[in-house]
Structure formats: C-alpha cells, structure tokens
C-alpha atoms as a PDB file:
ATOM      1  CA  MET A   1    -108.567 -99.697 113.938  1.00  0.00           C
ATOM      2  CA  LYS A   2    -106.165 -97.512 115.877  1.00  0.00           C
ATOM      3  CA  ARG A   3    -103.108 -96.336 113.970  1.00  0.00           C
ATOM      4  CA  SER A   4     -99.791 -97.146 115.589  1.00  0.00           C
ATOM      5  CA  THR A   5     -98.050 -94.200 117.220  1.00  0.00           C
ATOM      6  CA  LYS A   6     -94.838 -93.183 115.461  1.00  0.00           C
ATOM      7  CA  VAL A   7     -91.941 -93.213 117.914  1.00  0.00           C
ATOM      8  CA  LEU A   8     -89.056 -90.856 117.172  1.00  0.00           C
ATOM      9  CA  ALA A   9     -85.913 -90.572 119.305  1.00  0.00           C
ATOM     10  CA  ILE A  10     -84.299 -87.122 119.348  1.00  0.00           C
ATOM     11  CA  THR A  11     -80.712 -87.538 120.426  1.00  0.00           C
ATOM     12  CA  SER A  12     -77.199 -86.103 120.235  1.00  0.00           C
ATOM     13  CA  GLY A  13     -73.604 -87.076 120.760  1.00  0.00           C
ATOM     14  CA  LYS A  14     -72.983 -84.249 123.231  1.00  0.00           C
ATOM     15  CA  GLY A  15     -75.023 -82.005 125.466  1.00  0.00           C
ATOM     16  CA  GLY A  16     -75.714 -78.354 124.834  1.00  0.00           C
ATOM     17  CA  VAL A  17     -76.654 -78.634 121.147  1.00  0.00           C
ATOM     18  CA  GLY A  18     -80.320 -77.755 121.657  1.00  0.00           C
ATOM     19  CA  LYS A  19     -81.780 -81.254 121.784  1.00  0.00           C
ATOM     20  CA  THR A  20     -84.485 -80.579 124.364  1.00  0.00           C
ATOM     21  CA  THR A  21     -85.330 -77.212 122.816  1.00  0.00           C
ATOM     22  CA  SER A  22     -85.720 -78.917 119.444  1.00  0.00           C
ATOM     23  CA  THR A  23     -87.863 -81.703 120.897  1.00  0.00           C
ATOM     24  CA  ILE A  24     -90.272 -79.212 122.473  1.00  0.00           C
ATOM     25  CA  ASN A  25     -90.550 -76.901 119.468  1.00  0.00           C
ATOM     26  CA  LEU A  26     -90.917 -79.733 116.967  1.00  0.00           C
ATOM     27  CA  GLY A  27     -93.622 -81.185 119.200  1.00  0.00           C
ATOM     28  CA  ILE A  28     -95.454 -77.862 119.220  1.00  0.00           C
ATOM     29  CA  ALA A  29     -95.085 -77.473 115.433  1.00  0.00           C
ATOM     30  CA  LEU A  30     -96.588 -80.938 114.941  1.00  0.00           C
ATOM     31  CA  THR A  31     -99.380 -80.092 117.387  1.00  0.00           C
ATOM     32  CA  GLN A  32    -100.148 -76.933 115.436  1.00  0.00           C
ATOM     33  CA  ALA A  33    -100.330 -79.082 112.309  1.00  0.00           C
ATOM     34  CA  GLY A  34    -103.140 -81.071 113.914  1.00  0.00           C
ATOM     35  CA  HIS A  35    -101.260 -84.012 115.395  1.00  0.00           C
ATOM     36  CA  LYS A  36    -101.587 -85.372 118.925  1.00  0.00           C
ATOM     37  CA  ILE A  37     -98.125 -85.460 120.486  1.00  0.00           C
ATOM     38  CA  LEU A  38     -96.655 -87.232 123.514  1.00  0.00           C
ATOM     39  CA  LEU A  39     -93.234 -86.125 124.779  1.00  0.00           C
ATOM     40  CA  LEU A  40     -91.162 -88.501 126.882  1.00  0.00           C
ATOM     41  CA  ASP A  41     -88.345 -86.967 128.906  1.00  0.00           C
ATOM     42  CA  ALA A  42     -85.921 -89.883 128.688  1.00  0.00           C
ATOM     43  CA  ASP A  43     -83.122 -88.192 130.589  1.00  0.00           C
ATOM     44  CA  LEU A  44     -84.616 -90.141 133.450  1.00  0.00           C
ATOM     45  CA  GLY A  45     -82.520 -88.904 136.351  1.00  0.00           C
ATOM     46  CA  LEU A  46     -81.945 -85.333 135.141  1.00  0.00           C
ATOM     47  CA  ALA A  47     -85.295 -83.835 134.159  1.00  0.00           C
ATOM     48  CA  ASN A  48     -85.111 -81.264 131.350  1.00  0.00           C
ATOM     49  CA  ILE A  49     -88.453 -80.784 129.619  1.00  0.00           C
ATOM     50  CA  ASN A  50     -90.353 -79.508 132.644  1.00  0.00           C
ATOM     51  CA  ILE A  51     -87.531 -77.048 133.401  1.00  0.00           C
ATOM     52  CA  MET A  52     -87.550 -75.750 129.829  1.00  0.00           C
ATOM     53  CA  LEU A  53     -91.324 -75.314 129.984  1.00  0.00           C
ATOM     54  CA  GLY A  54     -91.334 -73.824 133.480  1.00  0.00           C
ATOM     55  CA  PHE A  55     -93.603 -76.240 135.324  1.00  0.00           C
ATOM     56  CA  LYS A  56     -93.172 -78.550 138.297  1.00  0.00           C
ATOM     57  CA  PRO A  57     -94.773 -81.970 137.788  1.00  0.00           C
ATOM     58  CA  GLN A  58     -96.755 -83.420 140.658  1.00  0.00           C
ATOM     59  CA  LYS A  59     -95.666 -86.942 139.709  1.00  0.00           C
ATOM     60  CA  THR A  60     -92.930 -88.314 137.450  1.00  0.00           C
ATOM     61  CA  ILE A  61     -91.873 -91.526 135.777  1.00  0.00           C
ATOM     62  CA  ASP A  62     -90.207 -92.494 139.070  1.00  0.00           C
ATOM     63  CA  ASP A  63     -93.660 -92.612 140.686  1.00  0.00           C
ATOM     64  CA  LEU A  64     -94.885 -94.842 137.861  1.00  0.00           C
ATOM     65  CA  ILE A  65     -92.001 -97.284 138.183  1.00  0.00           C
ATOM     66  CA  SER A  66     -92.323 -97.429 141.976  1.00  0.00           C
ATOM     67  CA  GLY A  67     -96.076 -98.049 141.777  1.00  0.00           C
ATOM     68  CA  ARG A  68     -97.043 -94.761 143.451  1.00  0.00           C
ATOM     69  CA  ALA A  69     -98.921 -93.521 140.377  1.00  0.00           C
ATOM     70  CA  THR A  70    -100.531 -94.736 137.173  1.00  0.00           C
ATOM     71  CA  ILE A  71     -99.544 -93.611 133.694  1.00  0.00           C
ATOM     72  CA  ASP A  72    -102.641 -91.403 133.466  1.00  0.00           C
ATOM     73  CA  GLU A  73    -101.678 -89.699 136.725  1.00  0.00           C
ATOM     74  CA  ILE A  74     -98.175 -88.747 135.591  1.00  0.00           C
ATOM     75  CA  ILE A  75     -98.995 -87.431 132.105  1.00  0.00           C
ATOM     76  CA  VAL A  76     -98.978 -83.616 132.119  1.00  0.00           C
ATOM     77  CA  HIS A  77    -101.437 -81.944 129.754  1.00  0.00           C
ATOM     78  CA  HIS A  78     -99.542 -78.761 128.920  1.00  0.00           C
ATOM     79  CA  HIS A  79    -101.221 -75.577 127.703  1.00  0.00           C
ATOM     80  CA  THR A  80     -99.191 -75.776 124.466  1.00  0.00           C
ATOM     81  CA  GLY A  81    -101.225 -78.854 123.545  1.00  0.00           C
ATOM     82  CA  LEU A  82     -98.402 -81.268 124.339  1.00  0.00           C
ATOM     83  CA  ASP A  83     -98.834 -84.266 126.615  1.00  0.00           C
ATOM     84  CA  ILE A  84     -95.659 -84.862 128.599  1.00  0.00           C
ATOM     85  CA  ILE A  85     -94.244 -87.766 130.588  1.00  0.00           C
ATOM     86  CA  PRO A  86     -91.850 -85.952 132.926  1.00  0.00           C
ATOM     87  CA  ALA A  87     -88.616 -87.342 134.284  1.00  0.00           C
ATOM     88  CA  THR A  88     -87.292 -86.841 137.782  1.00  0.00           C
ATOM     89  CA  SER A  89     -84.060 -85.302 139.046  1.00  0.00           C
ATOM     90  CA  GLY A  90     -81.444 -86.740 141.353  1.00  0.00           C
ATOM     91  CA  VAL A  91     -82.811 -90.304 141.491  1.00  0.00           C
ATOM     92  CA  TYR A  92     -80.009 -92.631 140.463  1.00  0.00           C
ATOM     93  CA  GLU A  93     -82.145 -95.788 140.451  1.00  0.00           C
ATOM     94  CA  VAL A  94     -84.247 -94.475 137.556  1.00  0.00           C
ATOM     95  CA  THR A  95     -81.166 -94.100 135.366  1.00  0.00           C
ATOM     96  CA  ASN A  96     -80.541 -97.857 135.478  1.00  0.00           C
ATOM     97  CA  LEU A  97     -83.844 -99.560 134.730  1.00  0.00           C
ATOM     98  CA  THR A  98     -84.252-103.080 136.036  1.00  0.00           C
ATOM     99  CA  ASP A  99     -86.171-105.770 134.143  1.00  0.00           C
ATOM    100  CA  ASP A 100     -89.066-105.327 136.586  1.00  0.00           C
ATOM    101  CA  ALA A 101     -89.112-101.583 135.888  1.00  0.00           C
ATOM    102  CA  LYS A 102     -89.177-102.249 132.157  1.00  0.00           C
ATOM    103  CA  ARG A 103     -92.107-104.635 132.571  1.00  0.00           C
ATOM    104  CA  MET A 104     -93.927-101.966 134.555  1.00  0.00           C
ATOM    105  CA  LEU A 105     -93.354 -99.492 131.735  1.00  0.00           C
ATOM    106  CA  LEU A 106     -94.551-101.974 129.110  1.00  0.00           C
ATOM    107  CA  GLU A 107     -97.772-102.697 130.985  1.00  0.00           C
ATOM    108  CA  SER A 108     -98.396 -99.011 131.686  1.00  0.00           C
ATOM    109  CA  PHE A 109     -97.760 -97.708 128.195  1.00  0.00           C
ATOM    110  CA  SER A 110     -99.274-100.469 126.081  1.00  0.00           C
ATOM    111  CA  HIS A 111    -102.768 -98.947 126.054  1.00  0.00           C
ATOM    112  CA  LEU A 112    -101.446 -95.579 124.802  1.00  0.00           C
ATOM    113  CA  ASP A 113    -100.512 -96.927 121.375  1.00  0.00           C
ATOM    114  CA  GLY A 114    -102.678 -95.275 118.745  1.00  0.00           C
ATOM    115  CA  LEU A 115    -103.890 -92.508 121.048  1.00  0.00           C
ATOM    116  CA  TYR A 116    -101.080 -90.272 119.780  1.00  0.00           C
ATOM    117  CA  ASP A 117     -99.762 -89.607 116.297  1.00  0.00           C
ATOM    118  CA  TYR A 118     -96.178 -89.208 117.501  1.00  0.00           C
ATOM    119  CA  MET A 119     -94.183 -89.879 120.626  1.00  0.00           C
ATOM    120  CA  LEU A 120     -91.015 -87.764 120.691  1.00  0.00           C
ATOM    121  CA  ILE A 121     -88.318 -89.055 123.024  1.00  0.00           C
ATOM    122  CA  ASP A 122     -85.823 -86.552 124.384  1.00  0.00           C
ATOM    123  CA  THR A 123     -82.903 -88.854 125.189  1.00  0.00           C
ATOM    124  CA  SER A 124     -79.826 -88.128 127.220  1.00  0.00           C
ATOM    125  CA  ALA A 125     -76.738 -87.073 125.282  1.00  0.00           C
ATOM    126  CA  GLY A 126     -73.819 -89.409 124.635  1.00  0.00           C
ATOM    127  CA  ILE A 127     -73.569 -93.174 124.294  1.00  0.00           C
ATOM    128  CA  GLY A 128     -74.734 -94.387 127.713  1.00  0.00           C
ATOM    129  CA  ASN A 129     -76.907 -97.466 128.145  1.00  0.00           C
ATOM    130  CA  ASN A 130     -80.200 -95.600 128.406  1.00  0.00           C
ATOM    131  CA  VAL A 131     -79.378 -93.526 125.324  1.00  0.00           C
ATOM    132  CA  LEU A 132     -78.779 -96.687 123.314  1.00  0.00           C
ATOM    133  CA  TYR A 133     -81.927 -98.339 124.708  1.00  0.00           C
ATOM    134  CA  PHE A 134     -84.237 -95.557 123.605  1.00  0.00           C
ATOM    135  CA  ASN A 135     -82.607 -95.050 120.210  1.00  0.00           C
ATOM    136  CA  VAL A 136     -82.609 -98.730 119.301  1.00  0.00           C
ATOM    137  CA  ALA A 137     -86.265 -99.148 120.242  1.00  0.00           C
ATOM    138  CA  SER A 138     -87.492 -96.103 118.297  1.00  0.00           C
ATOM    139  CA  GLU A 139     -88.835 -96.128 114.771  1.00  0.00           C
ATOM    140  CA  ARG A 140     -86.460 -93.388 113.637  1.00  0.00           C
ATOM    141  CA  VAL A 141     -83.398 -91.722 115.162  1.00  0.00           C
ATOM    142  CA  LEU A 142     -83.125 -87.929 114.793  1.00  0.00           C
ATOM    143  CA  VAL A 143     -79.614 -86.685 115.612  1.00  0.00           C
ATOM    144  CA  ILE A 144     -79.103 -83.020 116.537  1.00  0.00           C
ATOM    145  CA  VAL A 145     -75.774 -81.407 115.634  1.00  0.00           C
ATOM    146  CA  ASP A 146     -74.530 -77.839 115.693  1.00  0.00           C
ATOM    147  CA  PRO A 147     -71.501 -76.151 114.075  1.00  0.00           C
ATOM    148  CA  GLU A 148     -69.098 -76.946 116.932  1.00  0.00           C
ATOM    149  CA  PRO A 149     -66.484 -79.525 115.850  1.00  0.00           C
ATOM    150  CA  THR A 150     -67.051 -81.544 119.043  1.00  0.00           C
ATOM    151  CA  SER A 151     -70.754 -81.784 118.234  1.00  0.00           C
ATOM    152  CA  ILE A 152     -69.957 -83.333 114.861  1.00  0.00           C
ATOM    153  CA  THR A 153     -67.312 -85.739 116.180  1.00  0.00           C
ATOM    154  CA  ASP A 154     -69.536 -86.834 119.078  1.00  0.00           C
ATOM    155  CA  ALA A 155     -72.496 -87.310 116.718  1.00  0.00           C
ATOM    156  CA  TYR A 156     -70.277 -89.515 114.570  1.00  0.00           C
ATOM    157  CA  ALA A 157     -69.316 -91.551 117.651  1.00  0.00           C
ATOM    158  CA  LEU A 158     -72.992 -92.054 118.565  1.00  0.00           C
ATOM    159  CA  ILE A 159     -73.892 -93.082 115.009  1.00  0.00           C
ATOM    160  CA  LYS A 160     -70.924 -95.473 114.930  1.00  0.00           C
ATOM    161  CA  VAL A 161     -71.993 -97.219 118.141  1.00  0.00           C
ATOM    162  CA  LEU A 162     -75.651 -97.447 117.103  1.00  0.00           C
ATOM    163  CA  SER A 163     -74.796 -98.779 113.648  1.00  0.00           C
ATOM    164  CA  SER A 164     -71.930-101.110 114.520  1.00  0.00           C
ATOM    165  CA  ASN A 165     -73.198-102.485 117.834  1.00  0.00           C
ATOM    166  CA  GLU A 166     -76.977-102.089 117.646  1.00  0.00           C
ATOM    167  CA  GLY A 167     -77.802-102.474 113.954  1.00  0.00           C
ATOM    168  CA  VAL A 168     -79.348 -99.023 113.426  1.00  0.00           C
ATOM    169  CA  LYS A 169     -78.614 -98.112 109.801  1.00  0.00           C
ATOM    170  CA  SER A 170     -80.680 -95.004 109.095  1.00  0.00           C
ATOM    171  CA  PHE A 171     -80.313 -91.578 110.707  1.00  0.00           C
ATOM    172  CA  ASP A 172     -82.166 -88.284 110.228  1.00  0.00           C
ATOM    173  CA  ILE A 173     -79.975 -85.251 110.917  1.00  0.00           C
ATOM    174  CA  ILE A 174     -81.121 -81.839 112.161  1.00  0.00           C
ATOM    175  CA  VAL A 175     -78.542 -79.048 112.095  1.00  0.00           C
ATOM    176  CA  ASN A 176     -79.228 -76.613 114.928  1.00  0.00           C
ATOM    177  CA  ARG A 177     -77.835 -73.085 115.287  1.00  0.00           C
ATOM    178  CA  ALA A 178     -76.818 -72.925 111.643  1.00  0.00           C
ATOM    179  CA  PRO A 179     -74.942 -69.633 111.076  1.00  0.00           C
ATOM    180  CA  LYS A 180     -77.034 -66.830 109.638  1.00  0.00           C
ATOM    181  CA  GLY A 181     -76.907 -66.930 105.874  1.00  0.00           C
ATOM    182  CA  ASP A 182     -75.890 -70.618 105.924  1.00  0.00           C
ATOM    183  CA  ASP A 183     -78.474 -73.326 105.287  1.00  0.00           C
ATOM    184  CA  GLY A 184     -76.495 -75.802 107.421  1.00  0.00           C
ATOM    185  CA  ARG A 185     -75.742 -78.155 104.558  1.00  0.00           C
ATOM    186  CA  SER A 186     -71.990 -77.674 104.959  1.00  0.00           C
ATOM    187  CA  ILE A 187     -72.258 -78.893 108.560  1.00  0.00           C
ATOM    188  CA  PHE A 188     -74.296 -81.914 107.493  1.00  0.00           C
ATOM    189  CA  LYS A 189     -71.753 -82.622 104.739  1.00  0.00           C
ATOM    190  CA  LYS A 190     -68.892 -82.811 107.257  1.00  0.00           C
ATOM    191  CA  LEU A 191     -70.749 -85.499 109.207  1.00  0.00           C
ATOM    192  CA  ALA A 192     -72.007 -87.326 106.120  1.00  0.00           C
ATOM    193  CA  THR A 193     -68.544 -87.405 104.557  1.00  0.00           C
ATOM    194  CA  ALA A 194     -67.168 -89.242 107.581  1.00  0.00           C
ATOM    195  CA  THR A 195     -70.065 -91.694 107.820  1.00  0.00           C
ATOM    196  CA  ASP A 196     -69.985 -92.394 104.068  1.00  0.00           C
ATOM    197  CA  ARG A 197     -66.301 -93.231 104.286  1.00  0.00           C
ATOM    198  CA  PHE A 198     -66.248 -95.392 107.386  1.00  0.00           C
ATOM    199  CA  LEU A 199     -69.807 -96.562 108.199  1.00  0.00           C
ATOM    200  CA  ASP A 200     -72.511 -98.451 106.350  1.00  0.00           C
ATOM    201  CA  VAL A 201     -75.392 -96.096 107.179  1.00  0.00           C
ATOM    202  CA  LYS A 202     -77.977 -93.963 105.409  1.00  0.00           C
ATOM    203  CA  MET A 203     -77.930 -90.266 106.318  1.00  0.00           C
ATOM    204  CA  ASN A 204     -80.860 -87.930 105.665  1.00  0.00           C
ATOM    205  CA  LEU A 205     -80.745 -84.166 106.233  1.00  0.00           C
ATOM    206  CA  LEU A 206     -84.126 -83.540 107.834  1.00  0.00           C
ATOM    207  CA  GLY A 207     -83.627 -79.786 108.111  1.00  0.00           C
ATOM    208  CA  CYS A 208     -81.700 -76.890 109.626  1.00  0.00           C
ATOM    209  CA  ILE A 209     -82.555 -74.408 112.365  1.00  0.00           C
ATOM    210  CA  GLN A 210     -80.876 -71.034 111.917  1.00  0.00           C
ATOM    211  CA  ASP A 211     -79.088 -69.475 114.876  1.00  0.00           C
ATOM    212  CA  ASP A 212     -81.485 -66.997 116.449  1.00  0.00           C
ATOM    213  CA  ASP A 213     -81.088 -64.789 119.528  1.00  0.00           C
ATOM    214  CA  ALA A 214     -84.791 -65.229 120.222  1.00  0.00           C
ATOM    215  CA  ALA A 215     -84.146 -68.914 120.973  1.00  0.00           C
ATOM    216  CA  SER A 216     -81.884 -68.000 123.897  1.00  0.00           C
ATOM    217  CA  GLU A 217     -84.455 -65.490 125.167  1.00  0.00           C
ATOM    218  CA  ALA A 218     -87.161 -68.161 125.085  1.00  0.00           C
ATOM    219  CA  ILE A 219     -84.966 -70.528 127.092  1.00  0.00           C
ATOM    220  CA  MET A 220     -84.367 -67.880 129.738  1.00  0.00           C
ATOM    221  CA  LYS A 221     -88.117 -67.243 129.937  1.00  0.00           C
ATOM    222  CA  GLN A 222     -88.796 -71.007 130.187  1.00  0.00           C
ATOM    223  CA  SER A 223     -91.236 -70.847 127.319  1.00  0.00           C
ATOM    224  CA  PRO A 224     -91.165 -72.398 123.824  1.00  0.00           C
ATOM    225  CA  LEU A 225     -89.760 -70.312 120.989  1.00  0.00           C
ATOM    226  CA  LEU A 226     -92.788 -71.128 118.827  1.00  0.00           C
ATOM    227  CA  SER A 227     -95.124 -69.766 121.503  1.00  0.00           C
ATOM    228  CA  LEU A 228     -93.200 -66.571 122.261  1.00  0.00           C
ATOM    229  CA  TYR A 229     -91.782 -65.675 118.873  1.00  0.00           C
ATOM    230  CA  PRO A 230     -93.700 -67.594 116.194  1.00  0.00           C
ATOM    231  CA  SER A 231     -92.555 -65.370 113.318  1.00  0.00           C
ATOM    232  CA  THR A 232     -88.783 -65.621 113.849  1.00  0.00           C
ATOM    233  CA  ARG A 233     -86.572 -67.440 111.365  1.00  0.00           C
ATOM    234  CA  ALA A 234     -85.852 -70.260 113.818  1.00  0.00           C
ATOM    235  CA  SER A 235     -89.574 -70.776 114.483  1.00  0.00           C
ATOM    236  CA  ARG A 236     -90.247 -70.988 110.760  1.00  0.00           C
ATOM    237  CA  ASP A 237     -87.393 -73.470 110.464  1.00  0.00           C
ATOM    238  CA  TYR A 238     -88.938 -75.699 113.144  1.00  0.00           C
ATOM    239  CA  ILE A 239     -92.216 -75.657 111.227  1.00  0.00           C
ATOM    240  CA  ARG A 240     -90.398 -76.703 108.041  1.00  0.00           C
ATOM    241  CA  VAL A 241     -88.621 -79.554 109.840  1.00  0.00           C
ATOM    242  CA  ALA A 242     -91.948 -80.683 111.325  1.00  0.00           C
ATOM    243  CA  ARG A 243     -93.405 -80.814 107.805  1.00  0.00           C
ATOM    244  CA  ASN A 244     -90.465 -82.975 106.756  1.00  0.00           C
ATOM    245  CA  ILE A 245     -91.148 -85.271 109.724  1.00  0.00           C
ATOM    246  CA  GLU A 246     -94.727 -85.671 108.482  1.00  0.00           C
ATOM    247  CA  GLN A 247     -93.340 -86.898 105.160  1.00  0.00           C
ATOM    248  CA  LEU A 248     -91.052 -89.544 106.645  1.00  0.00           C
ATOM    249  CA  PRO A 249     -92.051 -93.064 105.578  1.00  0.00           C
ATOM    250  CA  ARG A 250     -93.011 -95.589 108.203  1.00  0.00           C
ATOM    251  CA  ALA A 251     -90.269 -98.035 109.111  1.00  0.00           C
ATOM    252  CA  ALA A 252     -90.668-101.599 107.971  1.00  0.00           C
ATOM    253  CA  SER A 253     -92.659-103.868 110.278  1.00  0.00           C
ATOM    254  CA  PRO A 254     -92.295-104.698 113.098  1.00  0.00           C
ATOM    255  CA  ARG A 255     -90.183-101.642 113.934  1.00  0.00           C
ATOM    256  CA  GLY A 256     -92.214 -98.692 115.185  1.00  0.00           C
ATOM    257  CA  GLY A 257     -95.170 -98.050 117.451  1.00  0.00           C
ATOM    258  CA  LEU A 258     -95.417 -97.734 121.200  1.00  0.00           C
ATOM    259  CA  GLN A 259     -96.073-101.444 121.715  1.00  0.00           C
ATOM    260  CA  PHE A 260     -92.941-102.349 119.787  1.00  0.00           C
ATOM    261  CA  PHE A 261     -91.028 -99.593 121.535  1.00  0.00           C
ATOM    262  CA  PHE A 262     -91.570-100.908 125.029  1.00  0.00           C
ATOM    263  CA  GLU A 263     -91.351-104.557 124.041  1.00  0.00           C
ATOM    264  CA  SER A 264     -88.002-103.731 122.479  1.00  0.00           C
ATOM    265  CA  LEU A 265     -86.871-102.002 125.659  1.00  0.00           C
ATOM    266  CA  LEU A 266     -87.943-105.010 127.671  1.00  0.00           C
ATOM    267  CA  SER A 267     -86.052-107.416 125.418  1.00  0.00           C
ATOM    268  CA  GLN A 268     -82.768-105.548 125.767  1.00  0.00           C
ATOM    269  CA  ASN A 269     -80.335-106.663 128.384  1.00  0.00           C
ATOM    270  CA  THR A 270     -80.266-104.344 131.395  1.00  0.00           C
ATOM    271  CA  HIS A 271     -76.524-104.739 131.807  1.00  0.00           C
ATOM    272  CA  PRO A 272     -73.805-103.749 129.311  1.00  0.00           C
END
C-alpha cells in the first residue's frame, strides 16, 4: 500500500522573514535524508520558488487550471532533487480560485498521493483567503518568524485567525535569522507567551536558523544555501530542523495526505 504524503504548510504573518528560502532549504535537507519531496509554490499569482532557484518554468499551475497542461507536464524536476509545482506571476485569476479550478486541482493531484514523502507548501504571507485555505488543509502548519517585532506580532495575528476562525490548534514554529550566539528561544518565548495568555493553541519550537551572511549571498546567486555553502551554521541548522520534521507525529485521521489536502480545499467556500 502507498503511504500517504505528509502535507506541511510553511507560512508567515509577514513577508520578508525567509519563508521561501526556508521552504527550499528544508526541502533539500529532507531530500538529502532520502525523502522524495514535492514543493508547491502557493503564492499563486506572485511566483517565488522558481526565482529563488533561478529557473524559468515552461508551464505553471495556471496552465493546469486552464487545461493547457497536465500535472505531469508542469512539475519541474530540479537538479537539487526537488520536484516543484511552480506558480505564475501577474495572473490575478489564479489568486482567487473558483470551485471549478479547485475541482481541477483535486482531479489532477489525487494520483500523486503516496508518490512523495512530503509536500511542502510555500504559502503567501499574511491572512488572505488563499493563505488560510492552504494552512487549514495541511497536516501541520509551520510558522516562520524572525527577531523583528512586526514579524512576531503578525505571526500572532495569523495564529489567532487560524485558531479562532478555522479551528487550527497546533503550530510548529521556526525562528529564522536568530542573532549569532542566540539559539532563538527568546524569540519563540515572546510569541508563545502571547499565545499562551490569549489563545487556546499548542506551540512547538521546531528549530532555529542562525543569521548567516552566506544566506544572503545564496539568494543573490539564486541558488540554495545548502547547495552552495553546506558547511555554514545556517545550513547545519536547516538539517537539524529537517530531522525534527522527520520526528513529527502524523496528525489524527482524516487530517493529512494529498487526497485530504485537495478535498479540504474543495470543501472550503471560495468567498470570504
């Protein structure tokens, strides 16, 4: 029997905290650990993953939804070992999926379940409809924060909306750009203190990525940090976080798996 693919949403309250960078490098770390990984660029109208990896996709999820391509035709098999479902840029219609578009996605993706160990979803930042859709449907929600106060307050706002309005009660936190010499726990504590006081949620510190100049260099070179500078502190941190991801327990049935993921998307109301 095929094992159900674990679906993890990687999200943030605000942009610029390293969400896409973390998605890519965690995907590579899991690939290096022997897992088969599918990345979904869920910032549907503002493609990020292909820009970060320096490639131009021939076809995107817009072609799938419009019927111009099949799922197999849009998946990019990247030299890092990652399989990628690329988004498009500047297409407003893709950012507001209709029920027909959701059905198309469900039919297209259903046969992929079990072919991958993990699907990592790089969501948009904030609390928009698509962000909530992808987070609610995923097996686990990984929230990226950094030391900036606005990152922490916006992460709290996202967690509040997901817990109060959508029933998501468990969150895995990754602290990015932790100051050198700081393990990031103080940053996690600031967020956890607020959620413990005002929200009924479970918070888990999944790991911390130390601030590293090599990360910025990798972004400028449009290449993953783990590929360019595998021995840096930040690269080692990504590997440690990936090991922690491997240890995460499966969510209770029926939550989790690609089939559930897209059925859940389909069941959600398109309009706010």
